[in-house]
Structures are given as C-alpha cells and as structure tokens.
Amino acid sequence: MAWIFLGIAIACEVLATTALKLSNGFSHAWWTAASLGGYGLAFVMLSFSVKTIPLGLAYALWAGIGTVTVFLISLIAFKSGAEPIAWVGVVLVTIGIVFLNLGSTTHA
C-alpha cells in the first residue's frame, strides 16, 4: 500500500506544480486552490508512504520522478524549450533514481 501512496503523492505533486504555473502568480483562484490542495495531499500521501518505504528512497522517487515529469509537461504543454544541458540533467536525475533504488533494501 505504501507504493500506492507514493504514486499518489507523485501524481499530486506533478498536478499541483502544473496548477501553480496555471495560477499565474496566484491570480486565478481555482488554479491556486488546486495547487495548494495538491501539495497538501502530496505531503499527506508521502507521509503515509514513508511509514514503510525508506525515507531516502521515497523522497528520491517523489522528487526525481516529479521533476522529470514536470520538465516534460513544461516542454509539451507550455511549449518551453530546453537546451541540451537540460536534457543531460534529466538523464542524470533518472540515473540517480535508478542508483538509489538499486542501493536500497526496498526496491520500487
């Protein structure tokens, strides 16, 4: 069940960050509420997941998968560009997640 909580936490964080962009500096009430609610739910779900999943692994997956996903959403939905060095960063984040997972006693 902890892995499901972690998946929900990641999804909520990604949706909240996307809503944060759409809130346009908190000037749109609906997107502001969605962002704040999404972050709140993400933290609650993360707290449930770390009861079982090692903290370092859970946080690395939450932050890393969220970062890569938001980066891709930014490229696709918001048409932002990315220099080649940004892609190197995405690859390094992904490699880091894999290494942390391999080095953990509890694998994703």
N, C-alpha and C. Protein backbone atom coordinates (compact mmCIF):
# COMPACT_ATOMS: atom_id res chain seq x y z
N MET A 1 0.82 -1.20 0.00
CA MET A 1 0.00 0.00 0.00
C MET A 1 0.87 1.27 0.00
N ALA A 2 2.05 1.17 0.61
CA ALA A 2 2.94 2.34 0.67
C ALA A 2 3.33 2.81 -0.72
N TRP A 3 3.51 1.87 -1.65
CA TRP A 3 3.89 2.24 -3.02
C TRP A 3 2.75 2.96 -3.71
N ILE A 4 1.52 2.58 -3.41
CA ILE A 4 0.36 3.28 -3.97
C ILE A 4 0.32 4.71 -3.43
N PHE A 5 0.54 4.85 -2.11
CA PHE A 5 0.58 6.19 -1.52
C PHE A 5 1.67 7.04 -2.17
N LEU A 6 2.82 6.44 -2.43
CA LEU A 6 3.90 7.19 -3.06
C LEU A 6 3.52 7.60 -4.49
N GLY A 7 2.89 6.70 -5.22
CA GLY A 7 2.43 7.04 -6.57
C GLY A 7 1.42 8.18 -6.56
N ILE A 8 0.51 8.14 -5.60
CA ILE A 8 -0.47 9.24 -5.47
C ILE A 8 0.24 10.54 -5.10
N ALA A 9 1.23 10.45 -4.21
CA ALA A 9 1.99 11.64 -3.81
C ALA A 9 2.69 12.27 -5.01
N ILE A 10 3.29 11.43 -5.84
CA ILE A 10 3.98 11.94 -7.04
C ILE A 10 2.98 12.59 -7.99
N ALA A 11 1.86 11.92 -8.23
CA ALA A 11 0.85 12.47 -9.14
C ALA A 11 0.31 13.80 -8.62
N CYS A 12 0.04 13.88 -7.32
CA CYS A 12 -0.48 15.12 -6.73
C CYS A 12 0.54 16.25 -6.84
N GLU A 13 1.80 15.93 -6.61
CA GLU A 13 2.84 16.96 -6.70
C GLU A 13 2.98 17.48 -8.13
N VAL A 14 2.92 16.59 -9.09
CA VAL A 14 3.01 16.99 -10.50
C VAL A 14 1.81 17.85 -10.88
N LEU A 15 0.62 17.42 -10.49
CA LEU A 15 -0.58 18.20 -10.80
C LEU A 15 -0.56 19.56 -10.08
N ALA A 16 -0.09 19.57 -8.83
CA ALA A 16 -0.02 20.83 -8.09
C ALA A 16 0.97 21.80 -8.72
N THR A 17 2.09 21.29 -9.18
CA THR A 17 3.09 22.16 -9.81
C THR A 17 2.57 22.70 -11.14
N THR A 18 1.87 21.87 -11.88
CA THR A 18 1.25 22.34 -13.13
C THR A 18 0.20 23.40 -12.84
N ALA A 19 -0.61 23.17 -11.80
CA ALA A 19 -1.62 24.16 -11.41
C ALA A 19 -0.96 25.45 -10.94
N LEU A 20 0.20 25.34 -10.30
CA LEU A 20 0.93 26.53 -9.86
C LEU A 20 1.28 27.41 -11.05
N LYS A 21 1.72 26.80 -12.13
CA LYS A 21 2.02 27.57 -13.35
C LYS A 21 0.75 28.22 -13.89
N LEU A 22 -0.33 27.44 -13.90
CA LEU A 22 -1.59 27.95 -14.44
C LEU A 22 -2.23 29.02 -13.54
N SER A 23 -1.84 29.06 -12.26
CA SER A 23 -2.40 30.06 -11.35
C SER A 23 -1.91 31.47 -11.67
N ASN A 24 -0.84 31.56 -12.47
CA ASN A 24 -0.31 32.85 -12.90
C ASN A 24 -0.03 33.76 -11.69
N GLY A 25 0.83 33.25 -10.80
CA GLY A 25 1.19 34.03 -9.62
C GLY A 25 0.05 34.16 -8.63
N PHE A 26 -0.74 33.12 -8.49
CA PHE A 26 -1.90 33.07 -7.60
C PHE A 26 -2.98 34.08 -7.97
N SER A 27 -3.04 34.45 -9.23
CA SER A 27 -4.07 35.40 -9.65
C SER A 27 -5.35 34.72 -10.14
N HIS A 28 -5.35 33.40 -10.26
CA HIS A 28 -6.54 32.64 -10.64
C HIS A 28 -6.90 31.72 -9.48
N ALA A 29 -8.04 32.00 -8.85
CA ALA A 29 -8.41 31.33 -7.61
C ALA A 29 -8.48 29.81 -7.75
N TRP A 30 -9.10 29.32 -8.82
CA TRP A 30 -9.26 27.87 -8.99
C TRP A 30 -7.91 27.17 -9.07
N TRP A 31 -7.01 27.69 -9.89
CA TRP A 31 -5.70 27.06 -10.03
C TRP A 31 -4.87 27.20 -8.75
N THR A 32 -5.05 28.31 -8.05
CA THR A 32 -4.37 28.48 -6.77
C THR A 32 -4.84 27.43 -5.77
N ALA A 33 -6.15 27.24 -5.68
CA ALA A 33 -6.71 26.23 -4.77
C ALA A 33 -6.25 24.83 -5.17
N ALA A 34 -6.23 24.56 -6.46
CA ALA A 34 -5.79 23.24 -6.93
C ALA A 34 -4.33 23.01 -6.58
N SER A 35 -3.51 24.04 -6.72
CA SER A 35 -2.10 23.93 -6.39
C SER A 35 -1.89 23.66 -4.90
N LEU A 36 -2.50 24.47 -4.06
CA LEU A 36 -2.34 24.32 -2.61
C LEU A 36 -2.90 22.98 -2.13
N GLY A 37 -4.06 22.60 -2.64
CA GLY A 37 -4.65 21.32 -2.27
C GLY A 37 -3.81 20.15 -2.74
N GLY A 38 -3.29 20.26 -3.94
CA GLY A 38 -2.45 19.19 -4.48
C GLY A 38 -1.17 19.00 -3.68
N TYR A 39 -0.54 20.11 -3.30
CA TYR A 39 0.68 20.00 -2.48
C TYR A 39 0.35 19.41 -1.11
N GLY A 40 -0.76 19.85 -0.52
CA GLY A 40 -1.15 19.31 0.78
C GLY A 40 -1.38 17.81 0.72
N LEU A 41 -2.13 17.36 -0.28
CA LEU A 41 -2.40 15.93 -0.43
C LEU A 41 -1.11 15.16 -0.74
N ALA A 42 -0.23 15.77 -1.53
CA ALA A 42 1.04 15.12 -1.85
C ALA A 42 1.85 14.86 -0.58
N PHE A 43 1.90 15.83 0.32
CA PHE A 43 2.65 15.64 1.56
C PHE A 43 2.00 14.61 2.48
N VAL A 44 0.68 14.59 2.51
CA VAL A 44 -0.01 13.59 3.33
C VAL A 44 0.30 12.19 2.79
N MET A 45 0.19 12.01 1.48
CA MET A 45 0.45 10.70 0.89
C MET A 45 1.92 10.30 1.05
N LEU A 46 2.83 11.27 0.93
CA LEU A 46 4.25 10.98 1.14
C LEU A 46 4.49 10.54 2.58
N SER A 47 3.81 11.18 3.51
CA SER A 47 3.99 10.81 4.92
C SER A 47 3.49 9.39 5.18
N PHE A 48 2.43 8.97 4.51
CA PHE A 48 1.95 7.59 4.65
C PHE A 48 2.95 6.61 4.04
N SER A 49 3.54 6.99 2.92
CA SER A 49 4.45 6.06 2.23
C SER A 49 5.74 5.83 3.02
N VAL A 50 6.22 6.86 3.73
CA VAL A 50 7.50 6.70 4.43
C VAL A 50 7.37 5.94 5.74
N LYS A 51 6.16 5.50 6.06
CA LYS A 51 6.00 4.60 7.20
C LYS A 51 6.64 3.25 6.89
N THR A 52 6.68 2.90 5.59
CA THR A 52 7.20 1.60 5.16
C THR A 52 8.42 1.73 4.26
N ILE A 53 8.36 2.64 3.31
CA ILE A 53 9.45 2.82 2.34
C ILE A 53 10.54 3.67 3.01
N PRO A 54 11.82 3.30 2.86
CA PRO A 54 12.89 4.13 3.43
C PRO A 54 12.78 5.59 2.95
N LEU A 55 12.98 6.51 3.87
CA LEU A 55 12.81 7.93 3.57
C LEU A 55 13.62 8.39 2.37
N GLY A 56 14.89 8.03 2.31
CA GLY A 56 15.75 8.47 1.21
C GLY A 56 15.24 8.00 -0.14
N LEU A 57 14.82 6.75 -0.20
CA LEU A 57 14.29 6.20 -1.45
C LEU A 57 12.97 6.87 -1.83
N ALA A 58 12.06 6.99 -0.86
CA ALA A 58 10.75 7.59 -1.15
C ALA A 58 10.90 9.03 -1.64
N TYR A 59 11.75 9.80 -0.95
CA TYR A 59 11.93 11.19 -1.33
C TYR A 59 12.61 11.31 -2.69
N ALA A 60 13.60 10.47 -2.94
CA ALA A 60 14.28 10.50 -4.24
C ALA A 60 13.31 10.19 -5.37
N LEU A 61 12.48 9.19 -5.18
CA LEU A 61 11.50 8.85 -6.22
C LEU A 61 10.48 9.98 -6.38
N TRP A 62 9.99 10.51 -5.26
CA TRP A 62 9.00 11.59 -5.29
C TRP A 62 9.55 12.82 -6.00
N ALA A 63 10.71 13.24 -5.59
CA ALA A 63 11.31 14.45 -6.17
C ALA A 63 11.80 14.21 -7.59
N GLY A 64 12.47 13.10 -7.81
CA GLY A 64 13.05 12.83 -9.13
C GLY A 64 12.01 12.59 -10.22
N ILE A 65 11.06 11.71 -9.94
CA ILE A 65 10.02 11.44 -10.93
C ILE A 65 9.18 12.69 -11.15
N GLY A 66 8.90 13.42 -10.07
CA GLY A 66 8.15 14.67 -10.21
C GLY A 66 8.89 15.69 -11.05
N THR A 67 10.18 15.82 -10.83
CA THR A 67 10.99 16.77 -11.59
C THR A 67 11.01 16.44 -13.07
N VAL A 68 11.26 15.19 -13.38
CA VAL A 68 11.32 14.78 -14.79
C VAL A 68 9.96 14.94 -15.45
N THR A 69 8.90 14.56 -14.75
CA THR A 69 7.56 14.66 -15.32
C THR A 69 7.17 16.12 -15.56
N VAL A 70 7.45 16.99 -14.58
CA VAL A 70 7.11 18.42 -14.76
C VAL A 70 7.95 19.02 -15.88
N PHE A 71 9.20 18.60 -16.01
CA PHE A 71 10.04 19.07 -17.11
C PHE A 71 9.40 18.71 -18.45
N LEU A 72 8.92 17.47 -18.58
CA LEU A 72 8.30 17.03 -19.83
C LEU A 72 6.97 17.75 -20.07
N ILE A 73 6.18 17.95 -19.02
CA ILE A 73 4.93 18.70 -19.16
C ILE A 73 5.22 20.12 -19.62
N SER A 74 6.26 20.72 -19.05
CA SER A 74 6.65 22.07 -19.44
C SER A 74 6.99 22.15 -20.93
N LEU A 75 7.69 21.14 -21.41
CA LEU A 75 8.05 21.11 -22.83
C LEU A 75 6.82 20.94 -23.72
N ILE A 76 5.96 20.02 -23.34
CA ILE A 76 4.82 19.67 -24.20
C ILE A 76 3.66 20.66 -24.06
N ALA A 77 3.21 20.88 -22.82
CA ALA A 77 2.00 21.69 -22.62
C ALA A 77 2.27 23.19 -22.70
N PHE A 78 3.43 23.62 -22.21
CA PHE A 78 3.72 25.04 -22.17
C PHE A 78 4.71 25.49 -23.23
N LYS A 79 5.09 24.55 -24.08
CA LYS A 79 5.96 24.85 -25.23
C LYS A 79 7.27 25.54 -24.83
N SER A 80 7.78 25.20 -23.66
CA SER A 80 9.06 25.77 -23.26
C SER A 80 10.17 24.98 -23.92
N GLY A 81 11.22 25.65 -24.24
CA GLY A 81 12.36 24.99 -24.87
C GLY A 81 13.31 24.46 -23.81
N ALA A 82 14.24 23.63 -24.25
CA ALA A 82 15.24 23.10 -23.34
C ALA A 82 16.56 22.95 -24.09
N GLU A 83 17.59 23.53 -23.51
CA GLU A 83 18.93 23.39 -24.06
C GLU A 83 19.41 21.96 -23.84
N PRO A 84 20.38 21.50 -24.63
CA PRO A 84 20.90 20.14 -24.44
C PRO A 84 21.38 19.86 -23.02
N ILE A 85 21.91 20.85 -22.33
CA ILE A 85 22.39 20.63 -20.97
C ILE A 85 21.23 20.28 -20.03
N ALA A 86 20.04 20.81 -20.32
CA ALA A 86 18.87 20.46 -19.50
C ALA A 86 18.53 18.97 -19.67
N TRP A 87 18.68 18.47 -20.88
CA TRP A 87 18.43 17.04 -21.11
C TRP A 87 19.47 16.19 -20.39
N VAL A 88 20.69 16.67 -20.32
CA VAL A 88 21.72 15.97 -19.55
C VAL A 88 21.29 15.89 -18.09
N GLY A 89 20.76 16.98 -17.57
CA GLY A 89 20.27 16.99 -16.20
C GLY A 89 19.16 15.99 -15.97
N VAL A 90 18.23 15.89 -16.91
CA VAL A 90 17.13 14.93 -16.79
C VAL A 90 17.68 13.50 -16.78
N VAL A 91 18.64 13.23 -17.63
CA VAL A 91 19.25 11.90 -17.66
C VAL A 91 19.96 11.62 -16.34
N LEU A 92 20.68 12.60 -15.81
CA LEU A 92 21.38 12.39 -14.54
C LEU A 92 20.41 12.16 -13.38
N VAL A 93 19.31 12.89 -13.36
CA VAL A 93 18.29 12.67 -12.33
C VAL A 93 17.76 11.25 -12.43
N THR A 94 17.47 10.81 -13.64
CA THR A 94 16.95 9.46 -13.85
C THR A 94 17.97 8.40 -13.41
N ILE A 95 19.23 8.60 -13.76
CA ILE A 95 20.27 7.67 -13.33
C ILE A 95 20.37 7.65 -11.81
N GLY A 96 20.28 8.80 -11.19
CA GLY A 96 20.33 8.88 -9.74
C GLY A 96 19.20 8.11 -9.08
N ILE A 97 18.01 8.22 -9.63
CA ILE A 97 16.87 7.47 -9.10
C ILE A 97 17.12 5.97 -9.21
N VAL A 98 17.62 5.54 -10.35
CA VAL A 98 17.91 4.12 -10.54
C VAL A 98 18.96 3.65 -9.54
N PHE A 99 20.03 4.40 -9.37
CA PHE A 99 21.09 4.00 -8.44
C PHE A 99 20.57 3.95 -6.99
N LEU A 100 19.79 4.94 -6.58
CA LEU A 100 19.23 4.93 -5.24
C LEU A 100 18.33 3.72 -5.04
N ASN A 101 17.56 3.40 -6.05
CA ASN A 101 16.67 2.25 -5.99
C ASN A 101 17.48 0.95 -5.88
N LEU A 102 18.53 0.84 -6.67
CA LEU A 102 19.37 -0.36 -6.63
C LEU A 102 20.10 -0.51 -5.30
N GLY A 103 20.44 0.62 -4.69
CA GLY A 103 21.17 0.58 -3.44
C GLY A 103 20.28 0.46 -2.21
N SER A 104 18.97 0.44 -2.40
CA SER A 104 18.05 0.35 -1.28
C SER A 104 17.70 -1.11 -1.01
N THR A 105 17.34 -1.38 0.23
CA THR A 105 16.90 -2.73 0.58
C THR A 105 15.45 -2.96 0.18
N THR A 106 14.72 -1.89 -0.09
CA THR A 106 13.33 -1.97 -0.55
C THR A 106 13.26 -1.39 -1.94
N HIS A 107 13.05 -2.22 -2.95
CA HIS A 107 13.08 -1.75 -4.34
C HIS A 107 11.70 -1.34 -4.83
N ALA A 108 11.71 -0.33 -5.73
CA ALA A 108 10.46 0.12 -6.34
C ALA A 108 10.01 -0.84 -7.41
